[in-house]
Protein backbone atom coordinates (compact mmCIF):
# COMPACT_ATOMS: atom_id res chain seq x y z
CA ASN A 1 0.00 0.00 0.00
CA MET A 2 2.35 2.67 -1.26
CA LEU A 3 1.11 6.07 -2.41
CA VAL A 4 1.32 6.51 -6.18
CA LEU A 5 2.41 10.01 -7.15
CA PRO A 6 1.00 11.63 -10.31
CA GLY A 7 4.44 11.33 -11.98
CA GLY A 8 4.46 7.57 -11.36
CA GLY A 9 6.77 7.48 -8.34
CA ARG A 10 5.79 5.69 -5.15
CA ILE A 11 6.32 6.68 -1.52
CA TRP A 12 5.24 5.35 1.86
CA PRO A 13 2.42 7.61 3.08
CA VAL A 14 3.20 9.01 6.51
CA LEU A 15 0.00 10.04 8.26
CA GLU A 16 -0.71 9.63 11.96
CA GLY A 17 -4.00 9.74 13.81
CA ALA A 18 -2.62 12.37 16.17
CA LEU A 19 -2.21 14.75 13.23
CA PHE A 20 -5.88 14.39 12.35
CA SER A 21 -7.17 14.79 15.90
CA GLU A 22 -5.10 17.96 16.41
CA VAL A 23 -6.95 19.62 13.52
CA ALA A 24 -10.51 18.26 13.76
CA PRO A 25 -12.69 15.96 15.93
CA VAL A 26 -11.38 12.79 14.23
CA SER A 27 -11.31 9.53 16.18
CA GLN A 28 -10.37 7.26 13.25
CA PHE A 29 -9.29 7.77 9.65
CA GLN A 30 -8.46 5.85 6.50
CA VAL A 31 -7.04 7.29 3.29
CA VAL A 32 -7.96 5.48 0.08
CA GLN A 33 -6.18 6.40 -3.14
CA HIS A 34 -8.44 5.84 -6.16
CA ALA A 35 -6.27 7.61 -8.78
CA PRO A 36 -2.79 9.19 -8.81
CA SER A 37 -4.20 12.63 -7.94
CA GLU A 38 -7.34 11.62 -6.01
CA LEU A 39 -7.78 10.57 -2.40
CA GLU A 40 -10.85 9.62 -0.42
CA VAL A 41 -10.39 10.34 3.28
CA ARG A 42 -12.76 8.25 5.37
CA LEU A 43 -13.36 9.73 8.79
CA VAL A 44 -15.03 8.72 12.03
CA VAL A 45 -15.74 11.94 13.92
CA THR A 46 -17.18 12.91 17.29
CA ARG A 47 -19.09 15.79 15.68
CA PRO A 48 -19.32 17.14 12.12
CA PRO A 49 -16.19 19.16 11.32
CA THR A 50 -16.48 22.77 10.27
CA ASP A 51 -15.50 23.96 6.80
CA ALA A 52 -12.36 25.46 8.35
CA GLU A 53 -11.46 22.13 9.97
CA GLU A 54 -11.95 20.29 6.66
CA ALA A 55 -9.72 22.86 4.94
CA ALA A 56 -7.08 22.41 7.65
CA LEU A 57 -7.26 18.61 7.25
CA ARG A 58 -6.89 18.95 3.48
CA ALA A 59 -3.85 21.22 3.88
CA MET A 60 -2.26 18.92 6.49
CA ILE A 61 -2.71 15.82 4.30
CA CYS A 62 -1.29 17.49 1.19
CA HIS A 63 1.63 18.87 3.19
CA HIS A 64 2.56 15.47 4.67
CA LEU A 65 2.11 13.65 1.35
CA GLU A 66 3.98 16.42 -0.52
CA HIS A 67 1.40 16.83 -3.30
CA GLU A 68 -1.81 18.80 -3.87
CA PHE A 69 -4.26 15.91 -4.13
CA ALA A 70 -7.96 16.27 -4.86
CA ILE A 71 -9.48 15.09 -1.57
CA ALA A 72 -13.04 13.89 -0.93
CA PHE A 73 -14.04 13.46 2.71
CA THR A 74 -16.56 10.75 3.58
CA TYR A 75 -17.97 10.15 7.05
CA HIS A 76 -18.63 6.77 8.65
CA PRO A 77 -19.87 5.47 12.01
CA ALA A 78 -16.87 3.09 12.13
CA LEU A 79 -14.09 1.80 9.88
CA GLY A 80 -13.66 -1.94 9.60
CA ARG A 81 -10.63 -4.13 9.28
CA GLY A 82 -9.38 -5.66 6.05
CA PRO A 83 -9.75 -9.31 5.02
CA GLY A 84 -6.67 -10.30 7.04
CA GLY A 85 -8.07 -8.65 10.19
CA LYS A 86 -5.61 -5.77 10.02
CA TYR A 87 -6.67 -2.13 10.11
CA GLU A 88 -5.11 -0.21 7.22
CA ASP A 89 -4.85 3.58 7.58
CA PHE A 90 -3.84 3.83 3.91
CA VAL A 91 -5.15 1.76 0.99
CA CYS A 92 -3.97 2.17 -2.60
CA ARG A 93 -6.50 1.20 -5.27
CA VAL A 94 -4.49 2.57 -8.20
CA PRO A 95 -3.95 -0.26 -10.73
CA GLY A 96 -0.40 -1.49 -11.32
């Protein structure tokens, strides 16, 4: 599950839950990459975040991943574990 950069390079995504909870009321997160420039950020929150908090999350994610990704936030009551029983905070769904 390496992050695919728009130029084709790959890096290990470094995102920590503490970063998210410092910016918004996030108790759990998962980043899913659907395309080289597009991320879905799945969040479990204690209350709906404000527009300013979403903007701060977007800026923090792009800063730590060193690219201006298009980011879609989705909200969930809980995030499950993968088929192997492991929780993945980053999932790459980019083919190849």
